[in-house]
Amino acid sequence: MKNVKLISTILFYITRIVTISYILVTVYSLFSVLTEWGYINQDNGKNFAVCYPFTKTPFLLGENNWGYKIFNLLIPLGLYSVFFLLVSNVFNVFKQPKLFTEYGIKQLKWFCLANIFVPSLAILLAYVFAGNIEEGLEWVAVIHFFLGVFAYFLYAIFKQGVNLQNEQDLYI
């Protein structure tokens, strides 16, 4: 069990750093798109580039229309911020001294529900409001769905573990 705690601790910190990075990129991209600071129009306004801060070096590229900016840039960045936050919370569960807790059940439940429903909903919204989605994005939703189902199995195991632990505590 020491190996699990060590690995989950390392992964917890890595995923928290990734979470913070995604949040910063999301906020910077939103700021750049709204204020056009660090923003370049390309191909006679057909495309755009969000540049690294204080440079003219392109960082994120896309089509210059609001549907693309919202549904293919900002929402996916924001959702992956949430995804990595939920992943880090799951790793946090595995580094705790007591494994089967209500906190663990709650984190696995949120991770499960988010992976099963949110990607498909986001793709549907992008298709309805932006008119198109990036090629291969359906496969990303399928992968998240299976990840959510796997997380559901862990959630069920943890829920049973908490129930058994509570019954054991009643007998003592």
C-alpha atoms as a PDB file:
ATOM      1  CA  MET A   1       0.000   0.000   0.000  1.00  0.00           C
ATOM      2  CA  LYS A   2       2.995   2.292   0.471  1.00  0.00           C
ATOM      3  CA  ASN A   3       3.641   2.179  -3.277  1.00  0.00           C
ATOM      4  CA  VAL A   4       0.062   3.203  -4.021  1.00  0.00           C
ATOM      5  CA  LYS A   5       0.299   6.161  -1.635  1.00  0.00           C
ATOM      6  CA  LEU A   6       3.652   7.233  -3.072  1.00  0.00           C
ATOM      7  CA  ILE A   7       2.500   6.990  -6.689  1.00  0.00           C
ATOM      8  CA  SER A   8      -0.818   8.701  -5.962  1.00  0.00           C
ATOM      9  CA  THR A   9       0.967  11.507  -4.102  1.00  0.00           C
ATOM     10  CA  ILE A  10       3.298  12.109  -7.039  1.00  0.00           C
ATOM     11  CA  LEU A  11       0.426  11.979  -9.527  1.00  0.00           C
ATOM     12  CA  PHE A  12      -1.675  14.246  -7.305  1.00  0.00           C
ATOM     13  CA  TYR A  13       0.951  16.995  -7.475  1.00  0.00           C
ATOM     14  CA  ILE A  14       1.568  16.507 -11.203  1.00  0.00           C
ATOM     15  CA  THR A  15      -2.141  16.712 -12.002  1.00  0.00           C
ATOM     16  CA  ARG A  16      -2.573  19.760  -9.756  1.00  0.00           C
ATOM     17  CA  ILE A  17       0.196  21.500 -11.695  1.00  0.00           C
ATOM     18  CA  VAL A  18      -1.520  20.521 -14.966  1.00  0.00           C
ATOM     19  CA  THR A  19      -4.837  21.793 -13.550  1.00  0.00           C
ATOM     20  CA  ILE A  20      -3.336  25.162 -12.656  1.00  0.00           C
ATOM     21  CA  SER A  21      -1.686  25.337 -16.090  1.00  0.00           C
ATOM     22  CA  TYR A  22      -4.981  24.654 -17.865  1.00  0.00           C
ATOM     23  CA  ILE A  23      -6.774  27.236 -15.746  1.00  0.00           C
ATOM     24  CA  LEU A  24      -4.115  29.835 -16.522  1.00  0.00           C
ATOM     25  CA  VAL A  25      -4.231  29.057 -20.253  1.00  0.00           C
ATOM     26  CA  THR A  26      -8.042  29.228 -20.216  1.00  0.00           C
ATOM     27  CA  VAL A  27      -8.092  32.572 -18.413  1.00  0.00           C
ATOM     28  CA  TYR A  28      -5.297  33.973 -20.603  1.00  0.00           C
ATOM     29  CA  SER A  29      -7.069  32.800 -23.781  1.00  0.00           C
ATOM     30  CA  LEU A  30     -10.351  34.332 -22.659  1.00  0.00           C
ATOM     31  CA  PHE A  31      -8.589  37.589 -21.798  1.00  0.00           C
ATOM     32  CA  SER A  32      -6.735  37.570 -25.120  1.00  0.00           C
ATOM     33  CA  VAL A  33      -9.838  36.851 -27.185  1.00  0.00           C
ATOM     34  CA  LEU A  34     -11.891  39.528 -25.404  1.00  0.00           C
ATOM     35  CA  THR A  35      -9.260  42.280 -25.308  1.00  0.00           C
ATOM     36  CA  GLU A  36      -7.190  41.243 -28.358  1.00  0.00           C
ATOM     37  CA  TRP A  37      -4.043  41.585 -26.246  1.00  0.00           C
ATOM     38  CA  GLY A  38      -1.602  38.945 -27.444  1.00  0.00           C
ATOM     39  CA  TYR A  39      -4.014  38.226 -30.281  1.00  0.00           C
ATOM     40  CA  ILE A  40      -3.172  38.245 -33.984  1.00  0.00           C
ATOM     41  CA  ASN A  41      -5.521  38.023 -36.966  1.00  0.00           C
ATOM     42  CA  GLN A  42      -4.110  35.834 -39.722  1.00  0.00           C
ATOM     43  CA  ASP A  43      -5.048  35.083 -43.338  1.00  0.00           C
ATOM     44  CA  ASN A  44      -6.966  38.346 -43.791  1.00  0.00           C
ATOM     45  CA  GLY A  45      -8.981  37.784 -40.614  1.00  0.00           C
ATOM     46  CA  LYS A  46      -9.962  34.199 -41.445  1.00  0.00           C
ATOM     47  CA  ASN A  47      -7.842  32.712 -38.629  1.00  0.00           C
ATOM     48  CA  PHE A  48      -6.419  33.940 -35.350  1.00  0.00           C
ATOM     49  CA  ALA A  49      -3.533  33.203 -33.048  1.00  0.00           C
ATOM     50  CA  VAL A  50      -3.264  33.701 -29.315  1.00  0.00           C
ATOM     51  CA  CYS A  51       0.384  34.483 -28.657  1.00  0.00           C
ATOM     52  CA  TYR A  52       2.590  33.688 -25.706  1.00  0.00           C
ATOM     53  CA  PRO A  53       2.419  36.579 -23.213  1.00  0.00           C
ATOM     54  CA  PHE A  54       4.552  39.586 -24.182  1.00  0.00           C
ATOM     55  CA  THR A  55       5.574  38.033 -27.526  1.00  0.00           C
ATOM     56  CA  LYS A  56       4.319  37.706 -31.075  1.00  0.00           C
ATOM     57  CA  THR A  57       4.917  33.939 -31.063  1.00  0.00           C
ATOM     58  CA  PRO A  58       1.655  32.039 -31.741  1.00  0.00           C
ATOM     59  CA  PHE A  59       0.542  29.724 -28.963  1.00  0.00           C
ATOM     60  CA  LEU A  60      -3.029  28.737 -29.886  1.00  0.00           C
ATOM     61  CA  LEU A  61      -4.457  28.871 -33.404  1.00  0.00           C
ATOM     62  CA  GLY A  62      -8.019  28.788 -34.652  1.00  0.00           C
ATOM     63  CA  GLU A  63     -10.731  30.020 -36.961  1.00  0.00           C
ATOM     64  CA  ASN A  64     -11.704  33.626 -36.401  1.00  0.00           C
ATOM     65  CA  ASN A  65     -15.387  33.249 -35.521  1.00  0.00           C
ATOM     66  CA  TRP A  66     -17.124  33.290 -32.161  1.00  0.00           C
ATOM     67  CA  GLY A  67     -18.548  29.792 -32.484  1.00  0.00           C
ATOM     68  CA  TYR A  68     -15.063  28.368 -32.862  1.00  0.00           C
ATOM     69  CA  LYS A  69     -13.585  30.557 -30.126  1.00  0.00           C
ATOM     70  CA  ILE A  70     -16.239  29.543 -27.610  1.00  0.00           C
ATOM     71  CA  PHE A  71     -16.947  25.896 -28.450  1.00  0.00           C
ATOM     72  CA  ASN A  72     -13.605  24.740 -29.846  1.00  0.00           C
ATOM     73  CA  LEU A  73     -11.194  26.803 -27.742  1.00  0.00           C
ATOM     74  CA  LEU A  74     -12.525  28.180 -24.476  1.00  0.00           C
ATOM     75  CA  ILE A  75     -14.986  25.464 -23.433  1.00  0.00           C
ATOM     76  CA  PRO A  76     -12.583  22.560 -24.112  1.00  0.00           C
ATOM     77  CA  LEU A  77      -9.776  24.336 -22.225  1.00  0.00           C
ATOM     78  CA  GLY A  78     -12.136  25.002 -19.325  1.00  0.00           C
ATOM     79  CA  LEU A  79     -13.458  21.452 -19.308  1.00  0.00           C
ATOM     80  CA  TYR A  80      -9.962  19.992 -19.262  1.00  0.00           C
ATOM     81  CA  SER A  81      -9.210  22.265 -16.323  1.00  0.00           C
ATOM     82  CA  VAL A  82     -12.117  20.622 -14.520  1.00  0.00           C
ATOM     83  CA  PHE A  83     -11.074  17.153 -15.728  1.00  0.00           C
ATOM     84  CA  PHE A  84      -7.570  17.465 -14.312  1.00  0.00           C
ATOM     85  CA  LEU A  85      -8.932  18.922 -11.077  1.00  0.00           C
ATOM     86  CA  LEU A  86     -11.189  15.876 -10.698  1.00  0.00           C
ATOM     87  CA  VAL A  87      -8.300  13.537 -11.571  1.00  0.00           C
ATOM     88  CA  SER A  88      -6.122  15.172  -8.923  1.00  0.00           C
ATOM     89  CA  ASN A  89      -8.937  14.795  -6.383  1.00  0.00           C
ATOM     90  CA  VAL A  90      -9.133  11.070  -7.196  1.00  0.00           C
ATOM     91  CA  PHE A  91      -5.376  10.733  -6.684  1.00  0.00           C
ATOM     92  CA  ASN A  92      -5.810  12.618  -3.418  1.00  0.00           C
ATOM     93  CA  VAL A  93      -8.258   9.904  -2.305  1.00  0.00           C
ATOM     94  CA  PHE A  94      -5.613   7.212  -2.761  1.00  0.00           C
ATOM     95  CA  LYS A  95      -3.005   9.061  -0.708  1.00  0.00           C
ATOM     96  CA  GLN A  96      -5.181   9.414   2.378  1.00  0.00           C
ATOM     97  CA  PRO A  97      -4.452   7.323   5.511  1.00  0.00           C
ATOM     98  CA  LYS A  98      -7.965   5.864   5.443  1.00  0.00           C
ATOM     99  CA  LEU A  99      -8.918   4.664   1.960  1.00  0.00           C
ATOM    100  CA  PHE A 100     -12.679   4.026   2.181  1.00  0.00           C
ATOM    101  CA  THR A 101     -14.273   7.349   3.136  1.00  0.00           C
ATOM    102  CA  GLU A 102     -17.262   9.458   2.167  1.00  0.00           C
ATOM    103  CA  TYR A 103     -14.792  11.948   0.655  1.00  0.00           C
ATOM    104  CA  GLY A 104     -13.451   9.195  -1.617  1.00  0.00           C
ATOM    105  CA  ILE A 105     -16.934   8.169  -2.688  1.00  0.00           C
ATOM    106  CA  LYS A 106     -17.831  11.771  -3.491  1.00  0.00           C
ATOM    107  CA  GLN A 107     -14.675  12.359  -5.567  1.00  0.00           C
ATOM    108  CA  LEU A 108     -15.127   9.147  -7.548  1.00  0.00           C
ATOM    109  CA  LYS A 109     -18.802   9.956  -8.130  1.00  0.00           C
ATOM    110  CA  TRP A 110     -17.997  13.412  -9.534  1.00  0.00           C
ATOM    111  CA  PHE A 111     -15.206  12.002 -11.698  1.00  0.00           C
ATOM    112  CA  CYS A 112     -17.510   9.266 -12.986  1.00  0.00           C
ATOM    113  CA  LEU A 113     -20.434  11.553 -13.803  1.00  0.00           C
ATOM    114  CA  ALA A 114     -18.242  14.204 -15.408  1.00  0.00           C
ATOM    115  CA  ASN A 115     -16.557  11.700 -17.716  1.00  0.00           C
ATOM    116  CA  ILE A 116     -19.747   9.949 -18.747  1.00  0.00           C
ATOM    117  CA  PHE A 117     -21.908  12.979 -19.484  1.00  0.00           C
ATOM    118  CA  VAL A 118     -19.907  16.196 -19.953  1.00  0.00           C
ATOM    119  CA  PRO A 119     -17.840  15.353 -23.077  1.00  0.00           C
ATOM    120  CA  SER A 120     -20.871  14.171 -25.051  1.00  0.00           C
ATOM    121  CA  LEU A 121     -22.884  17.183 -23.932  1.00  0.00           C
ATOM    122  CA  ALA A 122     -20.057  19.569 -24.874  1.00  0.00           C
ATOM    123  CA  ILE A 123     -19.722  17.981 -28.325  1.00  0.00           C
ATOM    124  CA  LEU A 124     -23.483  18.171 -28.840  1.00  0.00           C
ATOM    125  CA  LEU A 125     -23.521  21.860 -27.875  1.00  0.00           C
ATOM    126  CA  ALA A 126     -20.569  22.581 -30.169  1.00  0.00           C
ATOM    127  CA  TYR A 127     -22.304  20.833 -33.032  1.00  0.00           C
ATOM    128  CA  VAL A 128     -25.588  22.670 -32.447  1.00  0.00           C
ATOM    129  CA  PHE A 129     -24.173  26.163 -31.884  1.00  0.00           C
ATOM    130  CA  ALA A 130     -20.907  26.150 -33.844  1.00  0.00           C
ATOM    131  CA  GLY A 131     -22.145  23.956 -36.673  1.00  0.00           C
ATOM    132  CA  ASN A 132     -19.111  21.702 -36.704  1.00  0.00           C
ATOM    133  CA  ILE A 133     -16.734  19.848 -34.457  1.00  0.00           C
ATOM    134  CA  GLU A 134     -13.092  18.960 -34.808  1.00  0.00           C
ATOM    135  CA  GLU A 135     -12.389  15.698 -36.588  1.00  0.00           C
ATOM    136  CA  GLY A 136     -11.985  12.736 -34.246  1.00  0.00           C
ATOM    137  CA  LEU A 137     -13.554  14.473 -31.273  1.00  0.00           C
ATOM    138  CA  GLU A 138     -16.210  11.780 -31.045  1.00  0.00           C
ATOM    139  CA  TRP A 139     -13.466   9.332 -30.069  1.00  0.00           C
ATOM    140  CA  VAL A 140     -12.444  11.598 -27.216  1.00  0.00           C
ATOM    141  CA  ALA A 141     -16.011  11.387 -25.893  1.00  0.00           C
ATOM    142  CA  VAL A 142     -15.955   7.587 -26.237  1.00  0.00           C
ATOM    143  CA  ILE A 143     -12.665   7.373 -24.317  1.00  0.00           C
ATOM    144  CA  HIS A 144     -14.051   9.623 -21.562  1.00  0.00           C
ATOM    145  CA  PHE A 145     -17.214   7.505 -21.441  1.00  0.00           C
ATOM    146  CA  PHE A 146     -15.223   4.323 -20.820  1.00  0.00           C
ATOM    147  CA  LEU A 147     -13.069   6.147 -18.280  1.00  0.00           C
ATOM    148  CA  GLY A 148     -16.292   7.203 -16.543  1.00  0.00           C
ATOM    149  CA  VAL A 149     -17.615   3.642 -16.530  1.00  0.00           C
ATOM    150  CA  PHE A 150     -14.356   2.406 -15.034  1.00  0.00           C
ATOM    151  CA  ALA A 151     -14.582   5.169 -12.413  1.00  0.00           C
ATOM    152  CA  TYR A 152     -18.148   4.039 -11.697  1.00  0.00           C
ATOM    153  CA  PHE A 153     -16.837   0.563 -10.876  1.00  0.00           C
ATOM    154  CA  LEU A 154     -14.312   2.102  -8.468  1.00  0.00           C
ATOM    155  CA  TYR A 155     -17.090   4.247  -7.002  1.00  0.00           C
ATOM    156  CA  ALA A 156     -19.234   1.140  -6.388  1.00  0.00           C
ATOM    157  CA  ILE A 157     -16.299  -0.685  -4.779  1.00  0.00           C
ATOM    158  CA  PHE A 158     -15.520   2.271  -2.539  1.00  0.00           C
ATOM    159  CA  LYS A 159     -19.179   2.668  -1.580  1.00  0.00           C
ATOM    160  CA  GLN A 160     -19.314  -1.013  -0.588  1.00  0.00           C
ATOM    161  CA  GLY A 161     -16.028  -0.585   1.290  1.00  0.00           C
ATOM    162  CA  VAL A 162     -17.425   2.314   3.303  1.00  0.00           C
ATOM    163  CA  ASN A 163     -20.582   0.315   4.092  1.00  0.00           C
ATOM    164  CA  LEU A 164     -18.541  -2.680   5.264  1.00  0.00           C
ATOM    165  CA  GLN A 165     -16.269  -0.409   7.282  1.00  0.00           C
ATOM    166  CA  ASN A 166     -19.273   1.264   8.941  1.00  0.00           C
ATOM    167  CA  GLU A 167     -20.791  -2.136   9.780  1.00  0.00           C
ATOM    168  CA  GLN A 168     -17.460  -3.241  11.249  1.00  0.00           C
ATOM    169  CA  ASP A 169     -17.322  -0.085  13.378  1.00  0.00           C
ATOM    170  CA  LEU A 170     -20.806  -0.855  14.758  1.00  0.00           C
ATOM    171  CA  TYR A 171     -19.700  -4.281  15.981  1.00  0.00           C
ATOM    172  CA  ILE A 172     -16.707  -2.922  17.872  1.00  0.00           C
END
